[in-house]
C-alpha atoms as a PDB file:
ATOM      1  CA  MET A   1      -3.099   8.981 -14.036  1.00  0.00           C
ATOM      2  CA  VAL A   2      -2.118   9.016 -10.393  1.00  0.00           C
ATOM      3  CA  PRO A   3       1.012   6.892  -9.818  1.00  0.00           C
ATOM      4  CA  ILE A   4       0.350   3.686  -7.880  1.00  0.00           C
ATOM      5  CA  ILE A   5       3.407   2.271  -6.127  1.00  0.00           C
ATOM      6  CA  SER A   6       3.214  -1.133  -4.463  1.00  0.00           C
ATOM      7  CA  ILE A   7       5.177  -1.777  -1.289  1.00  0.00           C
ATOM      8  CA  VAL A   8       5.867  -5.510  -1.206  1.00  0.00           C
ATOM      9  CA  GLY A   9       7.826  -7.947   0.891  1.00  0.00           C
ATOM     10  CA  LYS A  10       7.545 -11.125   2.868  1.00  0.00           C
ATOM     11  CA  SER A  11       5.466 -11.342   6.025  1.00  0.00           C
ATOM     12  CA  LYS A  12       6.959  -9.376   8.899  1.00  0.00           C
ATOM     13  CA  SER A  13       9.514  -7.650   6.634  1.00  0.00           C
ATOM     14  CA  GLY A  14       8.380  -4.163   7.590  1.00  0.00           C
ATOM     15  CA  LYS A  15       6.036  -3.092   4.764  1.00  0.00           C
ATOM     16  CA  THR A  16       3.632  -1.183   7.016  1.00  0.00           C
ATOM     17  CA  THR A  17       6.513   0.421   8.876  1.00  0.00           C
ATOM     18  CA  LEU A  18       8.036   1.660   5.625  1.00  0.00           C
ATOM     19  CA  ILE A  19       4.695   3.057   4.483  1.00  0.00           C
ATOM     20  CA  GLU A  20       4.358   4.856   7.852  1.00  0.00           C
ATOM     21  CA  LYS A  21       7.727   6.535   7.083  1.00  0.00           C
ATOM     22  CA  LEU A  22       6.982   7.339   3.431  1.00  0.00           C
ATOM     23  CA  ILE A  23       3.644   9.060   4.103  1.00  0.00           C
ATOM     24  CA  PRO A  24       4.940  11.891   6.330  1.00  0.00           C
ATOM     25  CA  GLU A  25       7.955  12.368   4.061  1.00  0.00           C
ATOM     26  CA  LEU A  26       5.702  12.692   1.010  1.00  0.00           C
ATOM     27  CA  LYS A  27       3.284  14.994   2.922  1.00  0.00           C
ATOM     28  CA  SER A  28       6.181  17.199   4.125  1.00  0.00           C
ATOM     29  CA  ARG A  29       6.968  17.817   0.429  1.00  0.00           C
ATOM     30  CA  GLY A  30       3.414  18.857  -0.273  1.00  0.00           C
ATOM     31  CA  TYR A  31       1.965  15.666  -1.800  1.00  0.00           C
ATOM     32  CA  ARG A  32      -1.465  14.227  -1.024  1.00  0.00           C
ATOM     33  CA  VAL A  33      -1.130  10.533  -0.308  1.00  0.00           C
ATOM     34  CA  ALA A  34      -3.611   7.624  -0.218  1.00  0.00           C
ATOM     35  CA  THR A  35      -3.027   3.992   0.594  1.00  0.00           C
ATOM     36  CA  ILE A  36      -4.722   0.781  -0.422  1.00  0.00           C
ATOM     37  CA  LYS A  37      -4.158  -2.294   1.690  1.00  0.00           C
ATOM     38  CA  ARG A  38      -4.907  -5.758   0.389  1.00  0.00           C
ATOM     39  CA  ASP A  39      -5.791  -8.372   2.957  1.00  0.00           C
ATOM     40  CA  ALA A  40      -5.376 -11.978   1.930  1.00  0.00           C
ATOM     41  CA  HIS A  41      -7.673 -12.997   4.808  1.00  0.00           C
ATOM     42  CA  ARG A  42     -11.223 -12.036   5.557  1.00  0.00           C
ATOM     43  CA  PHE A  43     -11.205  -8.843   7.522  1.00  0.00           C
ATOM     44  CA  GLU A  44     -13.854  -7.173   9.673  1.00  0.00           C
ATOM     45  CA  MET A  45     -13.812  -3.443   9.933  1.00  0.00           C
ATOM     46  CA  ASP A  46     -16.774  -3.326  12.292  1.00  0.00           C
ATOM     47  CA  LYS A  47     -17.356  -4.983  15.586  1.00  0.00           C
ATOM     48  CA  PRO A  48     -20.387  -7.166  16.248  1.00  0.00           C
ATOM     49  CA  GLY A  49     -23.223  -5.116  17.626  1.00  0.00           C
ATOM     50  CA  LYS A  50     -22.254  -1.858  15.905  1.00  0.00           C
ATOM     51  CA  ASP A  51     -24.887  -0.424  13.598  1.00  0.00           C
ATOM     52  CA  THR A  52     -22.825  -0.778  10.425  1.00  0.00           C
ATOM     53  CA  TYR A  53     -22.075  -4.399  11.276  1.00  0.00           C
ATOM     54  CA  ARG A  54     -25.736  -5.013  11.780  1.00  0.00           C
ATOM     55  CA  HIS A  55     -26.653  -3.319   8.448  1.00  0.00           C
ATOM     56  CA  TYR A  56     -24.068  -5.404   6.554  1.00  0.00           C
ATOM     57  CA  HIS A  57     -25.050  -8.687   8.178  1.00  0.00           C
ATOM     58  CA  ALA A  58     -28.710  -7.918   7.505  1.00  0.00           C
ATOM     59  CA  GLY A  59     -27.773  -8.037   3.835  1.00  0.00           C
ATOM     60  CA  ALA A  60     -26.950  -4.508   2.662  1.00  0.00           C
ATOM     61  CA  GLU A  61     -24.868  -4.520  -0.532  1.00  0.00           C
ATOM     62  CA  ALA A  62     -22.834  -1.579   0.793  1.00  0.00           C
ATOM     63  CA  VAL A  63     -22.594   0.307   4.054  1.00  0.00           C
ATOM     64  CA  LEU A  64     -21.028   3.713   4.308  1.00  0.00           C
ATOM     65  CA  ILE A  65     -20.326   5.381   7.659  1.00  0.00           C
ATOM     66  CA  SER A  66     -19.425   9.065   7.794  1.00  0.00           C
ATOM     67  CA  SER A  67     -18.534  11.644  10.375  1.00  0.00           C
ATOM     68  CA  SER A  68     -16.911  15.076  10.285  1.00  0.00           C
ATOM     69  CA  GLU A  69     -13.519  13.382  10.624  1.00  0.00           C
ATOM     70  CA  LYS A  70     -13.639  10.332   8.342  1.00  0.00           C
ATOM     71  CA  MET A  71     -15.741   7.935   6.299  1.00  0.00           C
ATOM     72  CA  ALA A  72     -15.541   4.270   5.430  1.00  0.00           C
ATOM     73  CA  LEU A  73     -17.261   2.118   2.867  1.00  0.00           C
ATOM     74  CA  ILE A  74     -17.909  -1.603   3.284  1.00  0.00           C
ATOM     75  CA  GLN A  75     -19.080  -3.196   0.060  1.00  0.00           C
ATOM     76  CA  ARG A  76     -19.794  -6.772  -0.903  1.00  0.00           C
ATOM     77  CA  THR A  77     -17.471  -8.092  -3.621  1.00  0.00           C
ATOM     78  CA  GLU A  78     -19.228 -11.407  -4.323  1.00  0.00           C
ATOM     79  CA  GLY A  79     -16.015 -13.356  -3.842  1.00  0.00           C
ATOM     80  CA  GLU A  80     -14.220 -11.441  -6.598  1.00  0.00           C
ATOM     81  CA  GLU A  81     -11.150  -9.221  -6.050  1.00  0.00           C
ATOM     82  CA  ILE A  82     -11.725  -5.672  -7.306  1.00  0.00           C
ATOM     83  CA  PRO A  83      -8.830  -4.753  -9.628  1.00  0.00           C
ATOM     84  CA  LEU A  84      -6.368  -2.247  -8.146  1.00  0.00           C
ATOM     85  CA  ASP A  85      -7.120   0.395 -10.780  1.00  0.00           C
ATOM     86  CA  GLU A  86     -10.821   0.157  -9.918  1.00  0.00           C
ATOM     87  CA  LEU A  87     -10.076   0.515  -6.206  1.00  0.00           C
ATOM     88  CA  ALA A  88      -7.927   3.576  -6.970  1.00  0.00           C
ATOM     89  CA  LYS A  89     -10.905   5.245  -8.671  1.00  0.00           C
ATOM     90  CA  LYS A  90     -12.807   5.143  -5.384  1.00  0.00           C
ATOM     91  CA  LEU A  91     -10.236   7.390  -3.689  1.00  0.00           C
ATOM     92  CA  PRO A  92     -10.348  11.172  -3.499  1.00  0.00           C
ATOM     93  CA  LYS A  93      -7.966  13.313  -5.563  1.00  0.00           C
ATOM     94  CA  VAL A  94      -4.414  12.558  -4.446  1.00  0.00           C
ATOM     95  CA  ASP A  95      -0.917  12.847  -5.934  1.00  0.00           C
ATOM     96  CA  ILE A  96       0.278   9.289  -5.218  1.00  0.00           C
ATOM     97  CA  ILE A  97      -1.195   6.011  -4.017  1.00  0.00           C
ATOM     98  CA  LEU A  98       0.894   3.548  -2.012  1.00  0.00           C
ATOM     99  CA  THR A  99      -0.333  -0.030  -1.847  1.00  0.00           C
ATOM    100  CA  GLU A 100       0.515  -2.889   0.510  1.00  0.00           C
ATOM    101  CA  GLY A 101      -0.175  -6.488  -0.330  1.00  0.00           C
ATOM    102  CA  PHE A 102      -0.463  -6.318  -4.144  1.00  0.00           C
ATOM    103  CA  ARG A 103       2.697  -8.313  -4.936  1.00  0.00           C
ATOM    104  CA  MET A 104       1.246  -9.935  -8.031  1.00  0.00           C
ATOM    105  CA  GLY A 105       0.040  -6.680  -9.583  1.00  0.00           C
ATOM    106  CA  ASP A 106       1.554  -4.841 -12.515  1.00  0.00           C
ATOM    107  CA  LYS A 107       2.452  -1.657 -10.658  1.00  0.00           C
ATOM    108  CA  PRO A 108       6.042  -0.530  -9.949  1.00  0.00           C
ATOM    109  CA  LYS A 109       7.277  -1.952  -6.651  1.00  0.00           C
ATOM    110  CA  ILE A 110       9.453  -1.138  -3.711  1.00  0.00           C
ATOM    111  CA  GLU A 111      10.447  -4.342  -1.973  1.00  0.00           C
ATOM    112  CA  VAL A 112      11.200  -4.463   1.746  1.00  0.00           C
ATOM    113  CA  HIS A 113      13.846  -7.031   2.462  1.00  0.00           C
ATOM    114  CA  ARG A 114      15.362  -8.088   5.840  1.00  0.00           C
ATOM    115  CA  GLN A 115      18.444 -10.151   6.192  1.00  0.00           C
ATOM    116  CA  GLU A 116      17.158 -11.896   9.320  1.00  0.00           C
ATOM    117  CA  LEU A 117      14.342 -13.483   7.272  1.00  0.00           C
ATOM    118  CA  ASN A 118      17.068 -15.198   5.231  1.00  0.00           C
ATOM    119  CA  ARG A 119      15.070 -15.386   2.041  1.00  0.00           C
ATOM    120  CA  GLY A 120      15.563 -14.061  -1.480  1.00  0.00           C
ATOM    121  CA  LEU A 121      13.645 -11.214  -3.128  1.00  0.00           C
ATOM    122  CA  LEU A 122      10.075 -11.719  -4.273  1.00  0.00           C
ATOM    123  CA  CYS A 123      10.326  -9.452  -7.322  1.00  0.00           C
ATOM    124  CA  THR A 124      12.448  -9.384 -10.443  1.00  0.00           C
ATOM    125  CA  GLU A 125      14.715  -6.372 -10.981  1.00  0.00           C
ATOM    126  CA  GLU A 126      12.442  -5.260 -13.844  1.00  0.00           C
ATOM    127  CA  GLU A 127       9.514  -4.877 -11.441  1.00  0.00           C
ATOM    128  CA  LEU A 128      11.428  -2.890  -8.856  1.00  0.00           C
ATOM    129  CA  ILE A 129      11.978   0.823  -8.307  1.00  0.00           C
ATOM    130  CA  CYS A 130      14.244   0.072  -5.400  1.00  0.00           C
ATOM    131  CA  VAL A 131      14.728  -2.172  -2.359  1.00  0.00           C
ATOM    132  CA  ALA A 132      14.580  -1.016   1.284  1.00  0.00           C
ATOM    133  CA  THR A 133      16.921  -3.360   3.087  1.00  0.00           C
ATOM    134  CA  ASP A 134      19.405  -3.966   5.922  1.00  0.00           C
ATOM    135  CA  GLU A 135      21.649  -6.028   3.710  1.00  0.00           C
ATOM    136  CA  MET A 136      23.905  -5.429   0.692  1.00  0.00           C
ATOM    137  CA  LEU A 137      22.381  -7.186  -2.303  1.00  0.00           C
ATOM    138  CA  ASN A 138      23.991  -7.830  -5.662  1.00  0.00           C
ATOM    139  CA  ILE A 139      21.224  -6.386  -7.879  1.00  0.00           C
ATOM    140  CA  ASN A 140      20.903  -3.609 -10.410  1.00  0.00           C
ATOM    141  CA  VAL A 141      18.321  -1.461  -8.577  1.00  0.00           C
ATOM    142  CA  PRO A 142      18.934   1.189  -5.937  1.00  0.00           C
ATOM    143  CA  LEU A 143      19.249  -0.050  -2.369  1.00  0.00           C
ATOM    144  CA  PHE A 144      18.129   2.050   0.596  1.00  0.00           C
ATOM    145  CA  ASP A 145      18.301   1.603   4.323  1.00  0.00           C
ATOM    146  CA  LEU A 146      15.020   0.571   5.866  1.00  0.00           C
ATOM    147  CA  ASP A 147      14.803   4.036   7.523  1.00  0.00           C
ATOM    148  CA  ASP A 148      15.752   6.148   4.458  1.00  0.00           C
ATOM    149  CA  ALA A 149      12.284   7.435   3.557  1.00  0.00           C
ATOM    150  CA  ALA A 150      13.785  10.659   2.209  1.00  0.00           C
ATOM    151  CA  GLY A 151      15.990   8.764  -0.260  1.00  0.00           C
ATOM    152  CA  ILE A 152      13.116   6.613  -1.469  1.00  0.00           C
ATOM    153  CA  VAL A 153      10.855   9.663  -1.886  1.00  0.00           C
ATOM    154  CA  ASP A 154      13.622  11.324  -3.899  1.00  0.00           C
ATOM    155  CA  ILE A 155      13.358   8.491  -6.414  1.00  0.00           C
ATOM    156  CA  LEU A 156       9.545   8.609  -6.399  1.00  0.00           C
ATOM    157  CA  GLU A 157       9.667  12.349  -7.044  1.00  0.00           C
ATOM    158  CA  LYS A 158      12.133  11.974  -9.904  1.00  0.00           C
ATOM    159  CA  LYS A 159      10.325   9.074 -11.627  1.00  0.00           C
ATOM    160  CA  TYR A 160       6.660   9.597 -10.835  1.00  0.00           C
ATOM    161  CA  LEU A 161       5.836  12.973  -9.275  1.00  0.00           C
ATOM    162  CA  LYS A 162       7.722  15.699 -11.181  1.00  0.00           C
END
């Protein structure tokens, strides 16, 4: 099974920024990486007037757009969240999947924590691989600077990739 690691944290803590640092570090070590982003709000991938938008709004159950550079699938979910493991099955063959926005899931987590937000951690120590933070915390999980992608990937390699 491909390891799925959830990057979690409060709003504006830097989850996306950390993922943007982890991806090139993982790729530089030869790993194929995919990401899954959960959006708590309704999102629109298309813009009104585009063909795929028109197909979807005409009632298509799924719309797939493809080019020589990328493809995207828009599928109706009937108001039900698709479980993370099911979403992962839709991805191509990769070595690791990083998620953002799946705080309540059962996957191991890296929490992004910023002192300026002046709030406690979201996760219990048992859920955490480590914490990326700008503050010393009194917890029994490894702490990394917000910019230490190499250190975080070292732990991911040791625990999940080797």
